[in-house]
């Protein structure tokens, strides 16, 4: 989807998690946040606030994600920069 679909995706994921008695991170879902618009910052902060992990971020990292900031995001939220398409798809689908 697009940035505007994030709210709906979060609501659907939350409902599925509730139905299956788990949290959103326990579902076989992938969040890939493309960094093309400034509102992606708000979406990323929302996902982090909700405790959602394993987010792919790219195609390039925003300027405020310094190596130190990336280290914190990786350690606490398992955020992964988008890299090689084939490897990213393989990792996302596993």
PDB file of N, CA and C in Angstrom:
ATOM      1  N   UNK A   1       0.803  -1.185   0.000  1.00  0.00           N
ATOM      2  CA  UNK A   1       0.000   0.000   0.000  1.00  0.00           C
ATOM      3  C   UNK A   1       0.845   1.247   0.000  1.00  0.00           C
ATOM      4  N   UNK A   2       0.233   2.332   0.345  1.00  0.00           N
ATOM      5  CA  UNK A   2       0.911   3.617   0.408  1.00  0.00           C
ATOM      6  C   UNK A   2       0.840   4.139   1.837  1.00  0.00           C
ATOM      7  N   UNK A   3       1.528   5.244   2.084  1.00  0.00           N
ATOM      8  CA  UNK A   3       1.533   5.825   3.431  1.00  0.00           C
ATOM      9  C   UNK A   3       0.123   6.014   3.970  1.00  0.00           C
ATOM     10  N   UNK A   4      -0.794   6.404   3.098  1.00  0.00           N
ATOM     11  CA  UNK A   4      -2.164   6.647   3.546  1.00  0.00           C
ATOM     12  C   UNK A   4      -2.876   5.373   3.986  1.00  0.00           C
ATOM     13  N   UNK A   5      -2.322   4.214   3.638  1.00  0.00           N
ATOM     14  CA  UNK A   5      -2.921   2.940   4.022  1.00  0.00           C
ATOM     15  C   UNK A   5      -2.425   2.441   5.377  1.00  0.00           C
ATOM     16  N   UNK A   6      -1.484   3.134   5.975  1.00  0.00           N
ATOM     17  CA  UNK A   6      -0.860   2.654   7.204  1.00  0.00           C
ATOM     18  C   UNK A   6      -1.865   2.480   8.334  1.00  0.00           C
ATOM     19  N   UNK A   7      -2.764   3.438   8.512  1.00  0.00           N
ATOM     20  CA  UNK A   7      -3.742   3.340   9.599  1.00  0.00           C
ATOM     21  C   UNK A   7      -4.601   2.088   9.430  1.00  0.00           C
ATOM     22  N   UNK A   8      -5.088   1.860   8.225  1.00  0.00           N
ATOM     23  CA  UNK A   8      -5.918   0.678   7.975  1.00  0.00           C
ATOM     24  C   UNK A   8      -5.122  -0.599   8.198  1.00  0.00           C
ATOM     25  N   UNK A   9      -3.871  -0.623   7.755  1.00  0.00           N
ATOM     26  CA  UNK A   9      -3.036  -1.808   7.941  1.00  0.00           C
ATOM     27  C   UNK A   9      -2.826  -2.102   9.422  1.00  0.00           C
ATOM     28  N   UNK A  10      -2.610  -1.062  10.212  1.00  0.00           N
ATOM     29  CA  UNK A  10      -2.418  -1.242  11.652  1.00  0.00           C
ATOM     30  C   UNK A  10      -3.701  -1.751  12.306  1.00  0.00           C
ATOM     31  N   UNK A  11      -4.839  -1.194  11.924  1.00  0.00           N
ATOM     32  CA  UNK A  11      -6.121  -1.643  12.489  1.00  0.00           C
ATOM     33  C   UNK A  11      -6.387  -3.105  12.133  1.00  0.00           C
ATOM     34  N   UNK A  12      -6.141  -3.491  10.889  1.00  0.00           N
ATOM     35  CA  UNK A  12      -6.355  -4.877  10.469  1.00  0.00           C
ATOM     36  C   UNK A  12      -5.396  -5.803  11.204  1.00  0.00           C
ATOM     37  N   UNK A  13      -4.131  -5.421  11.289  1.00  0.00           N
ATOM     38  CA  UNK A  13      -3.148  -6.246  11.993  1.00  0.00           C
ATOM     39  C   UNK A  13      -3.517  -6.392  13.466  1.00  0.00           C
ATOM     40  N   UNK A  14      -3.979  -5.327  14.092  1.00  0.00           N
ATOM     41  CA  UNK A  14      -4.389  -5.391  15.503  1.00  0.00           C
ATOM     42  C   UNK A  14      -5.584  -6.316  15.689  1.00  0.00           C
ATOM     43  N   UNK A  15      -6.548  -6.247  14.777  1.00  0.00           N
ATOM     44  CA  UNK A  15      -7.725  -7.116  14.860  1.00  0.00           C
ATOM     45  C   UNK A  15      -7.334  -8.578  14.660  1.00  0.00           C
ATOM     46  N   UNK A  16      -6.446  -8.845  13.712  1.00  0.00           N
ATOM     47  CA  UNK A  16      -5.978 -10.216  13.500  1.00  0.00           C
ATOM     48  C   UNK A  16      -5.229 -10.736  14.723  1.00  0.00           C
ATOM     49  N   UNK A  17      -4.374  -9.899  15.278  1.00  0.00           N
ATOM     50  CA  UNK A  17      -3.629 -10.298  16.472  1.00  0.00           C
ATOM     51  C   UNK A  17      -4.582 -10.627  17.608  1.00  0.00           C
ATOM     52  N   UNK A  18      -5.591  -9.810  17.798  1.00  0.00           N
ATOM     53  CA  UNK A  18      -6.582 -10.050  18.841  1.00  0.00           C
ATOM     54  C   UNK A  18      -7.325 -11.361  18.586  1.00  0.00           C
ATOM     55  N   UNK A  19      -7.713 -11.606  17.337  1.00  0.00           N
ATOM     56  CA  UNK A  19      -8.454 -12.824  16.994  1.00  0.00           C
ATOM     57  C   UNK A  19      -7.619 -14.081  17.218  1.00  0.00           C
ATOM     58  N   UNK A  20      -6.313 -13.980  17.007  1.00  0.00           N
ATOM     59  CA  UNK A  20      -5.440 -15.136  17.165  1.00  0.00           C
ATOM     60  C   UNK A  20      -4.768 -15.191  18.535  1.00  0.00           C
ATOM     61  N   UNK A  21      -5.113 -14.268  19.411  1.00  0.00           N
ATOM     62  CA  UNK A  21      -4.574 -14.287  20.767  1.00  0.00           C
ATOM     63  C   UNK A  21      -3.078 -14.028  20.834  1.00  0.00           C
ATOM     64  N   UNK A  22      -2.601 -13.113  20.024  1.00  0.00           N
ATOM     65  CA  UNK A  22      -1.184 -12.771  20.016  1.00  0.00           C
ATOM     66  C   UNK A  22      -1.048 -11.257  19.860  1.00  0.00           C
ATOM     67  N   UNK A  23       0.164 -10.796  19.665  1.00  0.00           N
ATOM     68  CA  UNK A  23       0.347  -9.379  19.352  1.00  0.00           C
ATOM     69  C   UNK A  23       0.720  -9.253  17.879  1.00  0.00           C
ATOM     70  N   UNK A  24       0.818  -8.044  17.393  1.00  0.00           N
ATOM     71  CA  UNK A  24       1.093  -7.823  15.970  1.00  0.00           C
ATOM     72  C   UNK A  24       2.415  -8.467  15.565  1.00  0.00           C
ATOM     73  N   UNK A  25       3.413  -8.423  16.443  1.00  0.00           N
ATOM     74  CA  UNK A  25       4.709  -9.017  16.119  1.00  0.00           C
ATOM     75  C   UNK A  25       4.649 -10.535  16.026  1.00  0.00           C
ATOM     76  N   UNK A  26       3.596 -11.149  16.570  1.00  0.00           N
ATOM     77  CA  UNK A  26       3.428 -12.591  16.499  1.00  0.00           C
ATOM     78  C   UNK A  26       2.765 -13.064  15.220  1.00  0.00           C
ATOM     79  N   UNK A  27       2.337 -12.137  14.392  1.00  0.00           N
ATOM     80  CA  UNK A  27       1.690 -12.477  13.121  1.00  0.00           C
ATOM     81  C   UNK A  27       2.727 -12.586  12.003  1.00  0.00           C
ATOM     82  N   UNK A  28       2.451 -13.414  11.005  1.00  0.00           N
ATOM     83  CA  UNK A  28       3.380 -13.514   9.867  1.00  0.00           C
ATOM     84  C   UNK A  28       3.178 -12.358   8.884  1.00  0.00           C
ATOM     85  N   UNK A  29       3.462 -11.147   9.344  1.00  0.00           N
ATOM     86  CA  UNK A  29       3.296  -9.943   8.535  1.00  0.00           C
ATOM     87  C   UNK A  29       4.639  -9.258   8.338  1.00  0.00           C
ATOM     88  N   UNK A  30       4.742  -8.517   7.267  1.00  0.00           N
ATOM     89  CA  UNK A  30       5.935  -7.718   7.004  1.00  0.00           C
ATOM     90  C   UNK A  30       5.525  -6.267   6.811  1.00  0.00           C
ATOM     91  N   UNK A  31       6.237  -5.367   7.453  1.00  0.00           N
ATOM     92  CA  UNK A  31       6.034  -3.934   7.262  1.00  0.00           C
ATOM     93  C   UNK A  31       7.250  -3.391   6.524  1.00  0.00           C
ATOM     94  N   UNK A  32       7.013  -2.866   5.342  1.00  0.00           N
ATOM     95  CA  UNK A  32       8.078  -2.261   4.550  1.00  0.00           C
ATOM     96  C   UNK A  32       7.694  -0.801   4.343  1.00  0.00           C
ATOM     97  N   UNK A  33       8.466   0.080   4.931  1.00  0.00           N
ATOM     98  CA  UNK A  33       8.162   1.510   4.889  1.00  0.00           C
ATOM     99  C   UNK A  33       9.097   2.193   3.904  1.00  0.00           C
ATOM    100  N   UNK A  34       8.533   2.615   2.776  1.00  0.00           N
ATOM    101  CA  UNK A  34       9.313   3.311   1.752  1.00  0.00           C
ATOM    102  C   UNK A  34       9.426   4.780   2.123  1.00  0.00           C
ATOM    103  N   UNK A  35      10.614   5.283   2.007  1.00  0.00           N
ATOM    104  CA  UNK A  35      10.914   6.623   2.470  1.00  0.00           C
ATOM    105  C   UNK A  35      10.858   7.621   1.326  1.00  0.00           C
ATOM    106  N   UNK A  36       9.658   7.932   0.846  1.00  0.00           N
ATOM    107  CA  UNK A  36       9.508   8.874  -0.257  1.00  0.00           C
ATOM    108  C   UNK A  36       8.831  10.168   0.165  1.00  0.00           C
ATOM    109  N   UNK A  37       8.126  10.164   1.268  1.00  0.00           N
ATOM    110  CA  UNK A  37       7.396  11.354   1.700  1.00  0.00           C
ATOM    111  C   UNK A  37       7.721  11.652   3.156  1.00  0.00           C
ATOM    112  N   UNK A  38       7.587  12.908   3.535  1.00  0.00           N
ATOM    113  CA  UNK A  38       7.886  13.291   4.909  1.00  0.00           C
ATOM    114  C   UNK A  38       6.920  12.672   5.903  1.00  0.00           C
ATOM    115  N   UNK A  39       5.703  12.363   5.475  1.00  0.00           N
ATOM    116  CA  UNK A  39       4.763  11.764   6.423  1.00  0.00           C
ATOM    117  C   UNK A  39       5.182  10.356   6.827  1.00  0.00           C
ATOM    118  N   UNK A  40       6.157   9.791   6.124  1.00  0.00           N
ATOM    119  CA  UNK A  40       6.678   8.491   6.528  1.00  0.00           C
ATOM    120  C   UNK A  40       7.305   8.564   7.917  1.00  0.00           C
ATOM    121  N   UNK A  41       7.803   9.748   8.309  1.00  0.00           N
ATOM    122  CA  UNK A  41       8.349   9.925   9.662  1.00  0.00           C
ATOM    123  C   UNK A  41       7.263   9.655  10.694  1.00  0.00           C
ATOM    124  N   UNK A  42       6.086  10.226  10.496  1.00  0.00           N
ATOM    125  CA  UNK A  42       4.981  10.028  11.437  1.00  0.00           C
ATOM    126  C   UNK A  42       4.561   8.565  11.476  1.00  0.00           C
ATOM    127  N   UNK A  43       4.558   7.915  10.329  1.00  0.00           N
ATOM    128  CA  UNK A  43       4.173   6.506  10.292  1.00  0.00           C
ATOM    129  C   UNK A  43       5.207   5.659  11.024  1.00  0.00           C
ATOM    130  N   UNK A  44       6.488   5.922  10.789  1.00  0.00           N
ATOM    131  CA  UNK A  44       7.531   5.176  11.489  1.00  0.00           C
ATOM    132  C   UNK A  44       7.416   5.367  12.994  1.00  0.00           C
ATOM    133  N   UNK A  45       7.243   6.598  13.437  1.00  0.00           N
ATOM    134  CA  UNK A  45       7.116   6.858  14.877  1.00  0.00           C
ATOM    135  C   UNK A  45       5.887   6.170  15.458  1.00  0.00           C
ATOM    136  N   UNK A  46       4.799   6.123  14.701  1.00  0.00           N
ATOM    137  CA  UNK A  46       3.592   5.429  15.155  1.00  0.00           C
ATOM    138  C   UNK A  46       3.856   3.939  15.305  1.00  0.00           C
ATOM    139  N   UNK A  47       4.490   3.333  14.299  1.00  0.00           N
ATOM    140  CA  UNK A  47       4.802   1.904  14.369  1.00  0.00           C
ATOM    141  C   UNK A  47       5.711   1.601  15.557  1.00  0.00           C
ATOM    142  N   UNK A  48       6.709   2.451  15.772  1.00  0.00           N
ATOM    143  CA  UNK A  48       7.612   2.241  16.905  1.00  0.00           C
ATOM    144  C   UNK A  48       6.877   2.408  18.228  1.00  0.00           C
ATOM    145  N   UNK A  49       6.008   3.407  18.323  1.00  0.00           N
ATOM    146  CA  UNK A  49       5.224   3.623  19.543  1.00  0.00           C
ATOM    147  C   UNK A  49       4.348   2.407  19.854  1.00  0.00           C
ATOM    148  N   UNK A  50       3.821   1.779  18.817  1.00  0.00           N
ATOM    149  CA  UNK A  50       2.977   0.596  19.002  1.00  0.00           C
ATOM    150  C   UNK A  50       3.794  -0.665  19.273  1.00  0.00           C
ATOM    151  N   UNK A  51       5.118  -0.536  19.247  1.00  0.00           N
ATOM    152  CA  UNK A  51       5.978  -1.678  19.538  1.00  0.00           C
ATOM    153  C   UNK A  51       6.151  -2.638  18.378  1.00  0.00           C
ATOM    154  N   UNK A  52       5.801  -2.204  17.182  1.00  0.00           N
ATOM    155  CA  UNK A  52       5.914  -3.077  16.016  1.00  0.00           C
ATOM    156  C   UNK A  52       7.381  -3.182  15.620  1.00  0.00           C
ATOM    157  N   UNK A  53       7.813  -4.412  15.393  1.00  0.00           N
ATOM    158  CA  UNK A  53       9.215  -4.688  15.084  1.00  0.00           C
ATOM    159  C   UNK A  53       9.351  -5.256  13.681  1.00  0.00           C
ATOM    160  N   UNK A  54      10.592  -5.477  13.291  1.00  0.00           N
ATOM    161  CA  UNK A  54      10.924  -6.101  12.006  1.00  0.00           C
ATOM    162  C   UNK A  54      10.442  -5.285  10.818  1.00  0.00           C
ATOM    163  N   UNK A  55      10.599  -3.983  10.897  1.00  0.00           N
ATOM    164  CA  UNK A  55      10.209  -3.076   9.821  1.00  0.00           C
ATOM    165  C   UNK A  55      11.392  -2.935   8.867  1.00  0.00           C
ATOM    166  N   UNK A  56      11.113  -2.984   7.585  1.00  0.00           N
ATOM    167  CA  UNK A  56      12.131  -2.694   6.571  1.00  0.00           C
ATOM    168  C   UNK A  56      11.983  -1.232   6.188  1.00  0.00           C
ATOM    169  N   UNK A  57      13.095  -0.541   6.072  1.00  0.00           N
ATOM    170  CA  UNK A  57      13.086   0.901   5.843  1.00  0.00           C
ATOM    171  C   UNK A  57      13.997   1.242   4.664  1.00  0.00           C
ATOM    172  N   UNK A  58      13.465   1.996   3.708  1.00  0.00           N
ATOM    173  CA  UNK A  58      14.296   2.371   2.571  1.00  0.00           C
ATOM    174  C   UNK A  58      13.486   3.011   1.470  1.00  0.00           C
ATOM    175  N   UNK A  59      13.954   3.137   0.284  1.00  0.00           N
ATOM    176  CA  UNK A  59      15.147   2.492  -0.271  1.00  0.00           C
ATOM    177  C   UNK A  59      16.456   3.095   0.234  1.00  0.00           C
ATOM    178  N   UNK A  60      16.428   4.317   0.682  1.00  0.00           N
ATOM    179  CA  UNK A  60      17.587   4.891   1.364  1.00  0.00           C
ATOM    180  C   UNK A  60      17.104   5.372   2.725  1.00  0.00           C
ATOM    181  N   UNK A  61      18.017   5.424   3.659  1.00  0.00           N
ATOM    182  CA  UNK A  61      17.634   5.849   5.005  1.00  0.00           C
ATOM    183  C   UNK A  61      17.489   7.362   5.059  1.00  0.00           C
ATOM    184  N   UNK A  62      16.547   7.846   5.871  1.00  0.00           N
ATOM    185  CA  UNK A  62      16.402   9.291   6.028  1.00  0.00           C
ATOM    186  C   UNK A  62      17.655   9.890   6.671  1.00  0.00           C
ATOM    187  N   UNK A  63      17.864  11.166   6.442  1.00  0.00           N
ATOM    188  CA  UNK A  63      19.078  11.843   6.907  1.00  0.00           C
ATOM    189  C   UNK A  63      19.255  11.773   8.421  1.00  0.00           C
ATOM    190  N   UNK A  64      18.151  11.744   9.180  1.00  0.00           N
ATOM    191  CA  UNK A  64      18.286  11.738  10.637  1.00  0.00           C
ATOM    192  C   UNK A  64      18.666  10.372  11.195  1.00  0.00           C
ATOM    193  N   UNK A  65      18.658   9.341  10.362  1.00  0.00           N
ATOM    194  CA  UNK A  65      19.050   8.008  10.831  1.00  0.00           C
ATOM    195  C   UNK A  65      20.561   7.870  10.633  1.00  0.00           C
ATOM    196  N   UNK A  66      21.279   8.364  11.617  1.00  0.00           N
ATOM    197  CA  UNK A  66      22.734   8.254  11.625  1.00  0.00           C
ATOM    198  C   UNK A  66      23.104   6.812  11.972  1.00  0.00           C
ATOM    199  N   UNK A  67      24.355   6.430  11.817  1.00  0.00           N
ATOM    200  CA  UNK A  67      24.749   5.075  12.208  1.00  0.00           C
ATOM    201  C   UNK A  67      24.398   4.749  13.666  1.00  0.00           C
ATOM    202  N   UNK A  68      24.544   5.719  14.572  1.00  0.00           N
ATOM    203  CA  UNK A  68      24.195   5.476  15.978  1.00  0.00           C
ATOM    204  C   UNK A  68      22.694   5.284  16.160  1.00  0.00           C
ATOM    205  N   UNK A  69      21.894   6.112  15.488  1.00  0.00           N
ATOM    206  CA  UNK A  69      20.433   5.978  15.569  1.00  0.00           C
ATOM    207  C   UNK A  69      20.013   4.641  14.977  1.00  0.00           C
ATOM    208  N   UNK A  70      20.601   4.264  13.846  1.00  0.00           N
ATOM    209  CA  UNK A  70      20.277   2.978  13.234  1.00  0.00           C
ATOM    210  C   UNK A  70      20.606   1.837  14.186  1.00  0.00           C
ATOM    211  N   UNK A  71      21.720   1.941  14.880  1.00  0.00           N
ATOM    212  CA  UNK A  71      22.088   0.908  15.853  1.00  0.00           C
ATOM    213  C   UNK A  71      21.037   0.735  16.930  1.00  0.00           C
ATOM    214  N   UNK A  72      20.498   1.837  17.434  1.00  0.00           N
ATOM    215  CA  UNK A  72      19.441   1.776  18.450  1.00  0.00           C
ATOM    216  C   UNK A  72      18.171   1.164  17.865  1.00  0.00           C
ATOM    217  N   UNK A  73      17.807   1.578  16.649  1.00  0.00           N
ATOM    218  CA  UNK A  73      16.597   1.049  16.013  1.00  0.00           C
ATOM    219  C   UNK A  73      16.722  -0.445  15.723  1.00  0.00           C
ATOM    220  N   UNK A  74      17.894  -0.872  15.291  1.00  0.00           N
ATOM    221  CA  UNK A  74      18.118  -2.295  15.031  1.00  0.00           C
ATOM    222  C   UNK A  74      18.058  -3.078  16.339  1.00  0.00           C
ATOM    223  N   UNK A  75      18.728  -2.583  17.370  1.00  0.00           N
ATOM    224  CA  UNK A  75      18.779  -3.293  18.650  1.00  0.00           C
ATOM    225  C   UNK A  75      17.415  -3.396  19.320  1.00  0.00           C
ATOM    226  N   UNK A  76      16.618  -2.333  19.253  1.00  0.00           N
ATOM    227  CA  UNK A  76      15.353  -2.310  19.982  1.00  0.00           C
ATOM    228  C   UNK A  76      14.143  -2.714  19.153  1.00  0.00           C
ATOM    229  N   UNK A  77      14.206  -2.521  17.838  1.00  0.00           N
ATOM    230  CA  UNK A  77      13.029  -2.775  17.002  1.00  0.00           C
ATOM    231  C   UNK A  77      13.325  -3.671  15.800  1.00  0.00           C
ATOM    232  N   UNK A  78      14.550  -4.140  15.686  1.00  0.00           N
ATOM    233  CA  UNK A  78      14.960  -4.998  14.574  1.00  0.00           C
ATOM    234  C   UNK A  78      14.626  -4.368  13.220  1.00  0.00           C
ATOM    235  N   UNK A  79      14.816  -3.069  13.109  1.00  0.00           N
ATOM    236  CA  UNK A  79      14.613  -2.379  11.833  1.00  0.00           C
ATOM    237  C   UNK A  79      15.755  -2.764  10.905  1.00  0.00           C
ATOM    238  N   UNK A  80      15.402  -3.020   9.655  1.00  0.00           N
ATOM    239  CA  UNK A  80      16.405  -3.413   8.673  1.00  0.00           C
ATOM    240  C   UNK A  80      16.331  -2.471   7.478  1.00  0.00           C
ATOM    241  N   UNK A  81      17.468  -1.912   7.089  1.00  0.00           N
ATOM    242  CA  UNK A  81      17.458  -1.117   5.861  1.00  0.00           C
ATOM    243  C   UNK A  81      17.181  -2.016   4.657  1.00  0.00           C
ATOM    244  N   UNK A  82      16.486  -1.484   3.666  1.00  0.00           N
ATOM    245  CA  UNK A  82      16.253  -2.224   2.434  1.00  0.00           C
ATOM    246  C   UNK A  82      17.587  -2.360   1.723  1.00  0.00           C
ATOM    247  N   UNK A  83      17.857  -3.557   1.206  1.00  0.00           N
ATOM    248  CA  UNK A  83      19.129  -3.811   0.530  1.00  0.00           C
ATOM    249  C   UNK A  83      18.898  -4.451  -0.819  1.00  0.00           C
ATOM    250  N   UNK A  84      19.399  -5.661  -0.977  1.00  0.00           N
ATOM    251  CA  UNK A  84      19.250  -6.428  -2.205  1.00  0.00           C
ATOM    252  C   UNK A  84      17.826  -6.956  -2.319  1.00  0.00           C
ATOM    253  N   UNK A  85      17.190  -6.741  -3.458  1.00  0.00           N
ATOM    254  CA  UNK A  85      15.780  -7.105  -3.635  1.00  0.00           C
ATOM    255  C   UNK A  85      15.547  -8.585  -3.375  1.00  0.00           C
ATOM    256  N   UNK A  86      16.343  -9.439  -3.970  1.00  0.00           N
ATOM    257  CA  UNK A  86      16.138 -10.883  -3.824  1.00  0.00           C
ATOM    258  C   UNK A  86      16.309 -11.327  -2.369  1.00  0.00           C
ATOM    259  N   UNK A  87      17.331 -10.827  -1.707  1.00  0.00           N
ATOM    260  CA  UNK A  87      17.559 -11.183  -0.302  1.00  0.00           C
ATOM    261  C   UNK A  87      16.461 -10.628   0.592  1.00  0.00           C
ATOM    262  N   UNK A  88      16.023  -9.405   0.319  1.00  0.00           N
ATOM    263  CA  UNK A  88      14.946  -8.804   1.111  1.00  0.00           C
ATOM    264  C   UNK A  88      13.657  -9.605   0.970  1.00  0.00           C
ATOM    265  N   UNK A  89      13.308  -9.989  -0.257  1.00  0.00           N
ATOM    266  CA  UNK A  89      12.095 -10.788  -0.466  1.00  0.00           C
ATOM    267  C   UNK A  89      12.195 -12.136   0.224  1.00  0.00           C
ATOM    268  N   UNK A  90      13.327 -12.787   0.100  1.00  0.00           N
ATOM    269  CA  UNK A  90      13.522 -14.088   0.747  1.00  0.00           C
ATOM    270  C   UNK A  90      13.361 -13.961   2.258  1.00  0.00           C
ATOM    271  N   UNK A  91      13.990 -12.955   2.835  1.00  0.00           N
ATOM    272  CA  UNK A  91      13.912 -12.741   4.281  1.00  0.00           C
ATOM    273  C   UNK A  91      12.494 -12.371   4.714  1.00  0.00           C
ATOM    274  N   UNK A  92      11.817 -11.551   3.919  1.00  0.00           N
ATOM    275  CA  UNK A  92      10.466 -11.107   4.249  1.00  0.00           C
ATOM    276  C   UNK A  92       9.465 -12.254   4.184  1.00  0.00           C
ATOM    277  N   UNK A  93       9.643 -13.147   3.227  1.00  0.00           N
ATOM    278  CA  UNK A  93       8.694 -14.241   3.034  1.00  0.00           C
ATOM    279  C   UNK A  93       8.972 -15.443   3.922  1.00  0.00           C
ATOM    280  N   UNK A  94      10.084 -15.464   4.628  1.00  0.00           N
ATOM    281  CA  UNK A  94      10.384 -16.584   5.539  1.00  0.00           C
ATOM    282  C   UNK A  94       9.854 -16.341   6.909  1.00  0.00           C
TER     283      UNK A  94
END
